[in-house]
């Protein structure tokens, strides 16, 4: 497995220029792993950590971990040829290395994945305490992680910080993108990025932390200043098996080992939020956890007394909302977001309170909110406005709860306006949510157009029909929708929605957001919902002008 030039360049671009050299003996003491010296007695300084043999640079420790199908030890010889100077693996991997006569020092641990993060933290010197200060924010939850991290960085820029962002859409060091084809950074990438950002003068970094990242130890060795919780709704049950296990994965973030403080959004509609607030208080201490209720009734649901903050005076302004955050001690923050929907109000409130809990004074924060309107920042593919007349948006909503929230947020104020939704379901993921999403669409939209998302290795036709079955059943039971259409390919479905729309209608294309290609059984087919929607609207408006 020889690295391509692009993969090597991507990996190198994510590294700091000044890693901290460690001997294998240093790393053996850190991990408690058994050190098996190289047969030749060779030893060299470790200056990097990788999980992928194609990313190896000279001086790297290669973590050869067991995989779902292939053990990483199989590629240790490739790693050695590329310049790796040591291997971290399990006993099975050590035996495979010995059999293959890979002559490198080997660190043998029964739980090697658990040590990749701490080793990377040491080598890349990524912990803020090791150098200049660097504030770290983490956001977890089913929906809203991306938008909340963008909101956090926008507020902090208004406060004068140079910010970093590690998320599903992009990785940013200030305004500069960090090239990467890695959609979910692994532990070595996380630590090298944090060190790289500090090296580039980044003072604060906000990061999305998914259940996958926690479950697979991708953020081990990282300690955050403030962690935020958005919500927990059905998703990723193909990985976790149950909502209780999904909750347990998220809850790992709210412990002393991972964060100093926490902010939790409370909602009557999300019973898991109460459980998360209780878990955070038990682990971090009551004084280190803030809660915010989306409405007055949510405050009582906390069970441990009133929520610390409550949303008041919600007023719609254009497609956005102005509101007041009120603390039980009487403090208030006036907030405005230009993004539509109550869920973006929740995201904005969470971002504001996370910044406040990082140590910013209320008066300073209020001045930044008033003077810069930072919560009207554009988030690619998240309730992104593409056109008007009809109001047309693209959103990443890809589970039932997110779809409900998105559809309700675009309901036209004009009594004659209709909601038209275009969406699908992903292949090789939680199949139980497919008919649920169909039902939700039929209950919240007037015209439902079901198409393909990313089928992956599944036949796309049955996926579409499973979604459609839920929509048709809902219509039979009196749901709002008057039409349920199944149309592929996706570009045709988007054009059909635009042709059906009237100026007073709203169109939302949901499920893929910022993504620019569909995966059909390993074949990447270029498609950007925003481009397709924009082109279809341009054609519609051109035709309308010609008719006039």
Protein backbone atom coordinates (compact mmCIF):
# COMPACT_ATOMS: atom_id res chain seq x y z
CA UNK A 1 0.00 0.00 0.00
CA UNK A 2 2.12 2.85 -1.27
CA UNK A 3 0.77 6.32 -0.60
CA UNK A 4 -0.39 8.38 -3.54
CA UNK A 5 1.22 11.80 -3.92
CA UNK A 6 -2.06 13.48 -2.97
CA UNK A 7 -2.57 11.37 0.16
CA UNK A 8 0.98 12.04 1.26
CA UNK A 9 0.53 15.77 0.68
CA UNK A 10 -2.77 15.78 2.59
CA UNK A 11 -1.22 14.01 5.56
CA UNK A 12 1.84 16.29 5.60
CA UNK A 13 -0.30 19.45 5.37
CA UNK A 14 -2.04 18.50 8.61
CA UNK A 15 1.15 18.26 10.67
CA UNK A 16 2.99 20.81 12.78
CA UNK A 17 6.52 21.62 11.73
CA UNK A 18 7.93 21.07 15.23
CA UNK A 19 6.83 17.72 16.70
CA UNK A 20 8.38 16.54 19.97
CA UNK A 21 10.84 13.69 19.49
CA UNK A 22 10.20 10.61 21.69
CA UNK A 23 12.12 7.37 22.01
CA UNK A 24 10.20 4.10 21.89
CA UNK A 25 11.22 3.62 25.52
CA UNK A 26 9.44 6.92 26.36
CA UNK A 27 6.29 5.68 24.62
CA UNK A 28 6.47 2.28 26.28
CA UNK A 29 6.50 3.99 29.68
CA UNK A 30 3.58 6.22 28.65
CA UNK A 31 1.40 3.35 27.43
CA UNK A 32 2.55 0.55 29.70
CA UNK A 33 3.02 -1.51 26.53
CA UNK A 34 5.54 -4.33 26.24
CA UNK A 35 8.49 -3.19 24.14
CA UNK A 36 9.87 -5.77 21.71
CA UNK A 37 13.16 -4.37 20.34
CA UNK A 38 14.04 -4.65 16.66
CA UNK A 39 16.09 -7.75 15.86
CA UNK A 40 18.79 -5.52 14.43
CA UNK A 41 18.80 -3.38 17.54
CA UNK A 42 17.77 -0.38 15.41
CA UNK A 43 16.16 2.50 17.29
CA UNK A 44 15.15 5.94 16.14
CA UNK A 45 13.24 8.94 17.43
CA UNK A 46 9.48 8.93 16.88
CA UNK A 47 8.31 12.24 15.40
CA UNK A 48 4.88 11.33 14.04
CA UNK A 49 1.95 8.92 14.50
CA UNK A 50 -0.26 7.37 11.80
CA UNK A 51 -3.02 4.77 11.53
CA UNK A 52 -2.82 4.48 7.74
CA UNK A 53 0.32 3.03 6.17
CA UNK A 54 -0.26 5.24 3.12
CA UNK A 55 0.31 8.34 5.25
CA UNK A 56 3.65 7.30 6.77
CA UNK A 57 6.41 9.89 6.85
CA UNK A 58 10.00 9.14 7.93
CA UNK A 59 10.15 8.99 11.73
CA UNK A 60 6.55 7.85 12.25
CA UNK A 61 5.13 5.31 14.66
CA UNK A 62 2.66 3.15 12.73
CA UNK A 63 -0.38 2.03 14.76
CA UNK A 64 -1.26 -1.39 13.32
CA UNK A 65 -4.76 -1.98 14.68
CA UNK A 66 -7.20 -4.83 14.12
CA UNK A 67 -9.85 -3.87 11.54
CA UNK A 68 -13.25 -5.21 10.64
CA UNK A 69 -11.78 -7.22 7.77
CA UNK A 70 -7.99 -6.83 7.75
CA UNK A 71 -5.46 -6.35 10.55
CA UNK A 72 -3.26 -3.29 10.14
CA UNK A 73 -0.21 -5.44 10.77
CA UNK A 74 -0.60 -6.70 7.21
CA UNK A 75 0.68 -3.32 5.98
CA UNK A 76 3.53 -2.90 8.45
CA UNK A 77 6.15 -3.77 5.84
CA UNK A 78 4.80 -0.98 3.61
CA UNK A 79 4.96 1.38 6.59
CA UNK A 80 8.56 0.39 7.28
CA UNK A 81 9.49 0.91 3.63
CA UNK A 82 7.98 4.42 3.80
CA UNK A 83 10.09 5.34 6.85
CA UNK A 84 8.18 4.16 9.91
CA UNK A 85 10.53 3.63 12.87
CA UNK A 86 8.23 1.75 15.29
CA UNK A 87 4.89 -0.06 15.47
CA UNK A 88 2.11 -0.02 18.08
CA UNK A 89 -0.10 -3.11 17.89
CA UNK A 90 -1.84 -5.91 19.78
CA UNK A 91 -0.48 -9.44 20.44
CA UNK A 92 -1.97 -10.77 17.18
CA UNK A 93 -0.34 -7.94 15.28
CA UNK A 94 3.00 -8.57 16.99
CA UNK A 95 2.93 -12.21 15.92
CA UNK A 96 2.11 -11.18 12.34
CA UNK A 97 5.01 -8.71 12.32
CA UNK A 98 7.40 -11.37 13.60
CA UNK A 99 6.22 -13.82 10.94
CA UNK A 100 6.68 -11.18 8.23
CA UNK A 101 10.15 -10.31 9.62
CA UNK A 102 9.35 -6.61 9.95
CA UNK A 103 12.46 -5.36 11.73
CA UNK A 104 11.12 -2.47 13.80
CA UNK A 105 10.68 -1.94 17.55
CA UNK A 106 7.14 -3.00 18.50
CA UNK A 107 4.97 -1.70 21.35
CA UNK A 108 2.52 -4.47 22.25
CA UNK A 109 -0.71 -3.59 24.10
CA UNK A 110 -3.96 -5.49 24.57
CA UNK A 111 -5.80 -2.20 23.86
CA UNK A 112 -3.62 -0.37 21.33
CA UNK A 113 -6.44 1.84 19.98
CA UNK A 114 -6.88 3.37 23.44
CA UNK A 115 -3.26 4.56 23.37
CA UNK A 116 -3.13 6.10 19.89
CA UNK A 117 -4.56 9.41 21.14
CA UNK A 118 -2.29 9.83 24.17
CA UNK A 119 0.77 8.86 22.11
CA UNK A 120 -0.19 11.36 19.39
CA UNK A 121 -0.79 14.03 22.04
CA UNK A 122 2.73 13.49 23.38
CA UNK A 123 4.45 13.41 19.99
CA UNK A 124 2.60 16.41 18.57
CA UNK A 125 2.67 18.32 21.88
CA UNK A 126 -1.00 19.14 21.26
CA UNK A 127 -2.24 19.79 24.77
CA UNK A 128 -2.66 23.53 25.44
CA UNK A 129 -0.74 23.23 28.72
CA UNK A 130 2.32 22.23 26.74
CA UNK A 131 2.67 25.62 25.06
CA UNK A 132 0.77 28.80 24.39
CA UNK A 133 -2.86 28.77 25.50
CA UNK A 134 -5.44 27.47 23.04
CA UNK A 135 -9.10 27.30 24.02
CA UNK A 136 -10.95 24.16 22.92
CA UNK A 137 -14.70 23.77 22.42
CA UNK A 138 -16.49 20.50 21.66
CA UNK A 139 -20.06 20.06 20.43
CA UNK A 140 -21.87 16.74 20.39
CA UNK A 141 -25.46 15.62 19.76
CA UNK A 142 -27.44 14.15 16.89
CA UNK A 143 -28.31 17.38 15.10
CA UNK A 144 -26.85 20.88 15.16
CA UNK A 145 -23.16 20.12 15.76
CA UNK A 146 -21.91 21.76 12.59
CA UNK A 147 -23.98 24.93 12.86
CA UNK A 148 -23.13 25.35 16.54
CA UNK A 149 -19.37 25.11 15.88
CA UNK A 150 -19.69 27.73 13.12
CA UNK A 151 -21.65 29.95 15.51
CA UNK A 152 -18.98 29.53 18.22
CA UNK A 153 -16.13 30.48 15.89
CA UNK A 154 -18.10 33.43 14.51
CA UNK A 155 -18.71 34.80 18.03
CA UNK A 156 -15.08 34.30 18.99
CA UNK A 157 -13.87 36.10 15.85
CA UNK A 158 -16.12 38.99 16.84
CA UNK A 159 -14.33 38.94 20.20
CA UNK A 160 -10.96 39.25 18.48
CA UNK A 161 -9.78 35.63 18.41
CA UNK A 162 -8.11 33.82 15.54
CA UNK A 163 -10.18 30.66 15.32
CA UNK A 164 -9.80 27.09 14.18
CA UNK A 165 -12.56 24.69 13.10
CA UNK A 166 -12.51 20.89 12.85
CA UNK A 167 -15.76 19.60 11.39
CA UNK A 168 -17.57 17.49 8.85
CA UNK A 169 -17.69 20.24 6.22
CA UNK A 170 -14.15 21.55 6.43
CA UNK A 171 -11.08 22.12 8.56
CA UNK A 172 -10.09 25.76 8.93
CA UNK A 173 -7.08 27.46 10.48
CA UNK A 174 -8.30 31.04 10.61
CA UNK A 175 -9.68 31.64 7.11
CA UNK A 176 -7.29 29.13 5.55
CA UNK A 177 -8.62 25.67 4.68
CA UNK A 178 -6.40 22.78 5.74
CA UNK A 179 -6.38 20.34 2.80
CA UNK A 180 -7.72 16.95 3.78
CA UNK A 181 -9.68 14.11 2.26
CA UNK A 182 -10.33 12.78 5.74
CA UNK A 183 -14.01 13.37 6.54
CA UNK A 184 -13.64 12.22 10.18
CA UNK A 185 -10.18 12.87 11.65
CA UNK A 186 -8.61 9.96 13.51
CA UNK A 187 -6.75 10.54 16.77
CA UNK A 188 -3.34 11.27 15.16
CA UNK A 189 -4.97 13.79 12.82
CA UNK A 190 -6.85 15.49 15.66
CA UNK A 191 -3.69 15.99 17.71
CA UNK A 192 -1.54 17.02 14.76
CA UNK A 193 -4.22 19.53 13.70
CA UNK A 194 -4.46 21.04 17.18
CA UNK A 195 -0.69 21.44 17.29
CA UNK A 196 -0.64 22.84 13.73
CA UNK A 197 -3.29 25.39 14.64
CA UNK A 198 -1.44 26.55 17.72
CA UNK A 199 1.69 26.85 15.57
CA UNK A 200 -0.27 29.08 13.15
CA UNK A 201 -1.43 31.39 15.92
CA UNK A 202 -4.93 29.99 16.40
CA UNK A 203 -6.15 30.96 19.86
CA UNK A 204 -9.45 29.03 19.96
CA UNK A 205 -10.66 25.90 18.15
CA UNK A 206 -14.19 24.51 17.93
CA UNK A 207 -14.70 20.87 17.06
CA UNK A 208 -17.57 18.55 16.27
CA UNK A 209 -17.38 15.37 18.35
CA UNK A 210 -19.53 12.55 17.01
CA UNK A 211 -20.51 9.34 18.76
CA UNK A 212 -18.21 7.56 16.29
CA UNK A 213 -15.32 9.77 17.39
CA UNK A 214 -15.94 8.89 21.03
CA UNK A 215 -16.63 5.21 20.45
CA UNK A 216 -13.53 4.71 18.30
CA UNK A 217 -11.20 6.76 20.55
CA UNK A 218 -10.63 9.50 17.95
CA UNK A 219 -10.56 12.27 20.57
CA UNK A 220 -8.69 10.38 23.29
CA UNK A 221 -6.04 12.56 24.86
CA UNK A 222 -7.96 15.79 24.11
CA UNK A 223 -9.26 17.87 27.01
CA UNK A 224 -11.82 20.59 26.22
CA UNK A 225 -12.57 23.82 28.02
CA UNK A 226 -16.31 23.64 27.30
CA UNK A 227 -18.38 20.82 25.82
CA UNK A 228 -21.91 21.37 24.53
CA UNK A 229 -24.86 19.00 24.01
CA UNK A 230 -27.48 19.78 21.34
CA UNK A 231 -29.97 16.89 21.42
CA UNK A 232 -30.29 13.13 21.02
CA UNK A 233 -32.68 11.62 18.48
CA UNK A 234 -32.73 8.42 16.44
CA UNK A 235 -29.63 7.99 14.30
CA UNK A 236 -26.62 5.67 14.00
CA UNK A 237 -28.46 2.72 15.55
CA UNK A 238 -26.71 0.53 12.99
CA UNK A 239 -23.57 1.20 15.08
CA UNK A 240 -24.93 1.57 18.60
CA UNK A 241 -27.87 -0.87 18.57
CA UNK A 242 -30.11 1.12 20.91
CA UNK A 243 -30.77 4.67 22.03
CA UNK A 244 -29.37 3.81 25.47
CA UNK A 245 -26.05 2.76 23.92
CA UNK A 246 -26.09 5.83 21.66
CA UNK A 247 -26.57 8.01 24.76
CA UNK A 248 -23.75 6.22 26.57
CA UNK A 249 -21.38 6.95 23.67
CA UNK A 250 -22.21 10.66 23.73
CA UNK A 251 -22.06 10.80 27.54
CA UNK A 252 -18.34 9.93 27.46
CA UNK A 253 -17.66 13.55 26.51
CA UNK A 254 -19.12 14.89 29.76
CA UNK A 255 -16.52 13.56 32.17
CA UNK A 256 -13.55 15.16 33.91
CA UNK A 257 -11.18 13.24 31.66
CA UNK A 258 -12.53 15.07 28.60
CA UNK A 259 -13.88 18.51 29.57
CA UNK A 260 -13.73 21.21 32.22
CA UNK A 261 -17.27 22.58 31.80
CA UNK A 262 -20.48 21.68 29.96
CA UNK A 263 -23.61 23.35 28.56
CA UNK A 264 -26.70 21.19 27.92
CA UNK A 265 -29.82 22.16 25.95
CA UNK A 266 -33.02 20.96 27.68
CA UNK A 267 -36.21 20.18 25.81
CA UNK A 268 -39.46 18.44 26.73
CA UNK A 269 -39.26 16.80 23.29
CA UNK A 270 -35.88 15.24 24.13
CA UNK A 271 -35.95 13.21 27.36
CA UNK A 272 -32.30 12.28 26.82
CA UNK A 273 -31.35 15.91 27.41
CA UNK A 274 -32.43 15.65 31.05
CA UNK A 275 -30.42 12.46 31.46
CA UNK A 276 -27.36 14.15 29.91
CA UNK A 277 -27.64 17.15 32.24
CA UNK A 278 -27.84 14.83 35.24
CA UNK A 279 -24.89 12.76 33.98
CA UNK A 280 -22.79 15.89 33.39
CA UNK A 281 -23.53 17.26 36.87
CA UNK A 282 -22.65 13.97 38.50
CA UNK A 283 -19.33 13.82 36.67
CA UNK A 284 -18.29 17.47 36.45
CA UNK A 285 -19.98 18.95 39.49
CA UNK A 286 -23.14 21.07 39.54
CA UNK A 287 -21.19 24.33 39.37
CA UNK A 288 -19.47 23.30 36.15
CA UNK A 289 -22.64 22.57 34.17
CA UNK A 290 -25.06 25.12 32.69
CA UNK A 291 -28.47 24.20 31.29
CA UNK A 292 -30.69 26.16 28.91
CA UNK A 293 -34.41 25.52 28.45
CA UNK A 294 -35.85 26.18 25.01
CA UNK A 295 -39.18 27.17 26.58
CA UNK A 296 -40.50 27.72 30.06
CA UNK A 297 -42.03 24.25 30.39
CA UNK A 298 -38.67 22.64 29.59
CA UNK A 299 -37.21 24.11 32.76
CA UNK A 300 -39.34 21.88 34.96
CA UNK A 301 -38.29 18.81 33.01
CA UNK A 302 -34.74 19.09 34.32
CA UNK A 303 -35.77 17.31 37.50
CA UNK A 304 -32.95 18.88 39.52
CA UNK A 305 -34.51 22.33 39.75
CA UNK A 306 -35.00 25.10 37.20
CA UNK A 307 -32.74 25.39 34.19
CA UNK A 308 -30.02 28.00 34.55
CA UNK A 309 -31.07 29.85 31.39
CA UNK A 310 -34.40 30.12 29.58
CA UNK A 311 -35.28 31.51 26.14
CA UNK A 312 -37.68 34.47 26.26
CA UNK A 313 -39.28 36.94 23.84
CA UNK A 314 -38.80 34.99 20.61
CA UNK A 315 -39.58 37.27 17.66
CA UNK A 316 -39.34 36.28 14.03
CA UNK A 317 -37.27 38.71 11.92
CA UNK A 318 -37.28 37.81 8.24
CA UNK A 319 -36.39 34.12 8.16
CA UNK A 320 -34.37 34.51 11.37
CA UNK A 321 -35.24 35.04 15.03
CA UNK A 322 -34.41 37.46 17.85
CA UNK A 323 -34.68 36.26 21.45
CA UNK A 324 -33.52 36.84 25.00
CA UNK A 325 -31.53 34.42 27.16
CA UNK A 326 -32.48 34.97 30.81
CA UNK A 327 -30.60 33.50 33.77
CA UNK A 328 -32.25 32.62 37.06
CA UNK A 329 -30.12 35.34 38.71
CA UNK A 330 -31.61 37.99 36.43
CA UNK A 331 -28.78 38.33 33.89
CA UNK A 332 -29.90 38.63 30.26
CA UNK A 333 -28.36 38.33 26.81
CA UNK A 334 -30.11 39.69 23.70
CA UNK A 335 -29.45 37.39 20.75
CA UNK A 336 -30.29 37.36 17.04
CA UNK A 337 -29.71 34.68 14.41
CA UNK A 338 -30.44 35.12 10.72
CA UNK A 339 -30.77 31.38 10.15
CA UNK A 340 -34.33 29.97 10.06
CA UNK A 341 -35.98 27.59 12.46
CA UNK A 342 -36.37 26.99 16.19
CA UNK A 343 -33.53 24.47 16.04
CA UNK A 344 -31.16 27.25 14.96
CA UNK A 345 -32.37 29.29 17.92
CA UNK A 346 -31.29 26.34 20.09
CA UNK A 347 -27.94 26.14 18.28
CA UNK A 348 -27.40 29.87 18.72
CA UNK A 349 -28.28 29.76 22.42
CA UNK A 350 -25.90 26.86 22.98
CA UNK A 351 -23.05 28.63 21.18
CA UNK A 352 -23.56 31.86 23.12
CA UNK A 353 -23.61 30.10 26.49
CA UNK A 354 -20.57 27.96 25.67
CA UNK A 355 -18.59 31.11 24.89
CA UNK A 356 -19.91 32.74 28.08
CA UNK A 357 -18.90 29.71 30.16
CA UNK A 358 -15.38 29.84 28.73
CA UNK A 359 -14.85 32.95 30.84
CA UNK A 360 -16.09 35.85 28.68
CA UNK A 361 -17.91 38.60 30.62
CA UNK A 362 -21.63 39.08 29.88
CA UNK A 363 -21.09 42.72 28.93
CA UNK A 364 -18.25 41.88 26.53
CA UNK A 365 -20.26 39.12 24.91
CA UNK A 366 -23.35 41.32 24.54
CA UNK A 367 -21.29 44.01 22.83
CA UNK A 368 -19.95 41.48 20.30
CA UNK A 369 -23.48 40.18 19.60
CA UNK A 370 -24.82 43.71 19.11
CA UNK A 371 -22.00 45.07 16.98
CA UNK A 372 -21.22 42.09 14.72
CA UNK A 373 -24.41 39.96 14.44
CA UNK A 374 -22.15 36.85 14.44
CA UNK A 375 -25.04 34.35 14.49
CA UNK A 376 -26.11 35.27 10.97
CA UNK A 377 -23.03 33.55 9.57
CA UNK A 378 -23.55 31.25 6.59
CA UNK A 379 -23.06 27.53 7.19
CA UNK A 380 -22.51 25.51 3.98
CA UNK A 381 -25.36 23.10 3.38
CA UNK A 382 -27.10 23.88 6.67
CA UNK A 383 -30.40 25.70 5.98
CA UNK A 384 -28.50 27.40 3.18
CA UNK A 385 -30.69 29.81 1.24
CA UNK A 386 -30.25 29.23 -2.50
CA UNK A 387 -33.08 31.31 -3.93
CA UNK A 388 -36.34 33.15 -3.37
CA UNK A 389 -39.78 33.11 -5.01
CA UNK A 390 -39.98 30.21 -4.29
CA UNK A 391 -37.94 30.22 -1.07
CA UNK A 392 -35.42 27.46 -1.73
CA UNK A 393 -33.01 25.93 0.77
CA UNK A 394 -30.57 23.04 1.05
CA UNK A 395 -30.09 21.29 4.39
CA UNK A 396 -28.22 18.29 5.74
CA UNK A 397 -31.30 16.88 7.55
CA UNK A 398 -30.85 13.13 7.22
CA UNK A 399 -32.79 11.69 10.16
CA UNK A 400 -36.44 12.03 11.27
CA UNK A 401 -35.94 14.71 13.92
CA UNK A 402 -33.78 16.91 11.72
CA UNK A 403 -36.27 16.59 8.87
CA UNK A 404 -39.19 17.66 11.10
CA UNK A 405 -37.26 20.70 12.32
CA UNK A 406 -36.18 21.71 8.82
CA UNK A 407 -39.67 21.37 7.32
CA UNK A 408 -41.34 23.35 10.10
CA UNK A 409 -38.80 26.13 9.74
CA UNK A 410 -39.67 26.71 6.04
CA UNK A 411 -43.46 26.61 6.38
CA UNK A 412 -44.57 29.67 4.33
CA UNK A 413 -46.21 32.55 6.15
CA UNK A 414 -48.44 33.02 3.08
CA UNK A 415 -51.61 30.99 3.64
CA UNK A 416 -51.46 29.78 0.04
CA UNK A 417 -47.83 28.72 0.23
CA UNK A 418 -46.88 25.05 0.12
CA UNK A 419 -43.88 23.11 1.36
CA UNK A 420 -42.14 20.88 -1.19
CA UNK A 421 -39.46 18.49 0.05
CA UNK A 422 -36.90 16.46 -1.92
CA UNK A 423 -34.98 13.82 0.04
CA UNK A 424 -33.91 10.18 0.27
CA UNK A 425 -32.27 7.79 2.73
CA UNK A 426 -28.70 6.55 2.91
CA UNK A 427 -27.85 2.95 2.09
CA UNK A 428 -26.10 0.62 4.54
CA UNK A 429 -27.31 2.68 7.50
CA UNK A 430 -30.14 2.43 10.03
CA UNK A 431 -32.98 0.96 7.96
CA UNK A 432 -35.65 1.53 10.62
CA UNK A 433 -35.64 5.29 10.08
CA UNK A 434 -36.52 5.07 6.37
CA UNK A 435 -40.33 4.71 6.67
CA UNK A 436 -40.25 7.08 9.64
CA UNK A 437 -38.67 9.77 7.46
CA UNK A 438 -41.32 9.14 4.81
CA UNK A 439 -44.07 9.57 7.39
CA UNK A 440 -42.49 12.74 8.77
CA UNK A 441 -42.23 14.25 5.28
CA UNK A 442 -45.88 13.49 4.52
CA UNK A 443 -46.99 15.01 7.83
CA UNK A 444 -44.98 18.22 7.47
CA UNK A 445 -44.92 18.91 3.69
CA UNK A 446 -47.53 19.32 0.95
CA UNK A 447 -45.54 17.67 -1.84
CA UNK A 448 -43.10 14.84 -1.07
CA UNK A 449 -40.50 13.88 -3.68
CA UNK A 450 -38.46 10.81 -2.72
CA UNK A 451 -35.19 10.18 -4.52
CA UNK A 452 -31.70 8.75 -3.91
CA UNK A 453 -29.26 9.87 -1.24
CA UNK A 454 -26.05 7.79 -1.07
CA UNK A 455 -27.09 4.17 -1.74
CA UNK A 456 -23.53 2.91 -1.21
CA UNK A 457 -23.58 -0.84 -1.91
CA UNK A 458 -27.36 -1.22 -1.62
CA UNK A 459 -29.80 -1.35 -4.53
CA UNK A 460 -31.28 2.17 -4.47
CA UNK A 461 -34.79 1.20 -5.62
CA UNK A 462 -35.80 -0.69 -2.42
CA UNK A 463 -34.45 2.17 -0.31
CA UNK A 464 -36.69 4.63 -2.14
CA UNK A 465 -39.68 2.33 -1.75
CA UNK A 466 -39.13 1.87 1.99
CA UNK A 467 -39.20 5.64 2.43
CA UNK A 468 -42.21 5.97 0.12
CA UNK A 469 -44.12 3.28 2.03
CA UNK A 470 -43.94 5.39 5.18
CA UNK A 471 -45.12 8.48 3.30
CA UNK A 472 -48.02 6.70 1.59
CA UNK A 473 -49.19 5.15 4.84
CA UNK A 474 -49.19 8.57 6.47
CA UNK A 475 -51.23 10.04 3.59
CA UNK A 476 -53.72 7.19 3.92
CA UNK A 477 -54.07 8.15 7.59
CA UNK A 478 -54.83 11.78 6.78
CA UNK A 479 -51.39 13.38 6.64
CA UNK A 480 -50.85 16.81 5.11
CA UNK A 481 -49.21 15.73 1.83
CA UNK A 482 -51.30 15.76 -1.36
CA UNK A 483 -48.60 14.19 -3.55
CA UNK A 484 -45.97 11.52 -2.93
CA UNK A 485 -43.64 11.10 -5.90
CA UNK A 486 -40.67 8.80 -6.38
CA UNK A 487 -38.21 10.28 -8.88
CA UNK A 488 -34.63 9.45 -9.80
CA UNK A 489 -32.00 10.56 -10.48
CA UNK A 490 -31.73 13.20 -7.78
CA UNK A 491 -31.05 16.07 -10.21
CA UNK A 492 -34.34 15.30 -12.00
CA UNK A 493 -36.15 15.22 -8.67
CA UNK A 494 -34.82 18.69 -7.82
CA UNK A 495 -35.81 20.09 -11.22
CA UNK A 496 -39.28 18.58 -10.82
CA UNK A 497 -39.72 20.27 -7.44
CA UNK A 498 -38.79 23.65 -8.93
CA UNK A 499 -41.16 23.21 -11.88
CA UNK A 500 -44.01 22.35 -9.48
CA UNK A 501 -43.36 25.32 -7.21
CA UNK A 502 -45.23 28.61 -7.14
CA UNK A 503 -43.55 31.86 -5.99
CA UNK A 504 -45.20 31.68 -2.56
CA UNK A 505 -44.02 28.09 -1.94
CA UNK A 506 -40.97 26.81 -0.06
CA UNK A 507 -38.65 24.09 -1.37
CA UNK A 508 -36.21 22.24 0.82
CA UNK A 509 -33.73 19.73 -0.58
CA UNK A 510 -32.69 17.65 2.40
CA UNK A 511 -30.18 14.99 3.37
CA UNK A 512 -26.88 15.83 1.70
CA UNK A 513 -26.19 19.47 2.48
CA UNK A 514 -22.65 20.43 1.47
CA UNK A 515 -21.77 17.09 -0.15
CA UNK A 516 -20.76 17.18 -3.80
CA UNK A 517 -20.95 13.55 -4.94
CA UNK A 518 -23.19 10.51 -4.53
CA UNK A 519 -21.82 7.03 -3.84
CA UNK A 520 -23.37 4.30 -5.99
CA UNK A 521 -21.66 1.03 -5.05
CA UNK A 522 -18.25 2.64 -4.87
CA UNK A 523 -18.73 4.85 -7.92
CA UNK A 524 -18.64 8.55 -7.10
CA UNK A 525 -21.20 10.49 -9.14
CA UNK A 526 -20.75 14.29 -9.01
CA UNK A 527 -23.84 16.09 -7.68
CA UNK A 528 -24.23 19.19 -5.52
CA UNK A 529 -27.78 19.91 -4.35
CA UNK A 530 -27.01 23.62 -4.17
CA UNK A 531 -25.80 23.76 -7.78
CA UNK A 532 -28.72 21.70 -9.09
CA UNK A 533 -31.25 23.80 -7.18
CA UNK A 534 -29.65 27.07 -8.26
CA UNK A 535 -29.58 26.00 -11.92
CA UNK A 536 -33.19 24.83 -11.82
CA UNK A 537 -34.30 28.13 -10.28
CA UNK A 538 -32.35 30.11 -12.89
CA UNK A 539 -34.08 28.17 -15.66
CA UNK A 540 -37.47 28.76 -14.03
CA UNK A 541 -36.93 32.51 -13.66
CA UNK A 542 -35.60 32.77 -17.23
CA UNK A 543 -38.67 30.98 -18.53
CA UNK A 544 -40.94 33.22 -16.47
CA UNK A 545 -39.31 36.35 -17.94
CA UNK A 546 -39.72 35.03 -21.49
CA UNK A 547 -43.40 34.37 -20.90
CA UNK A 548 -43.88 37.93 -19.69
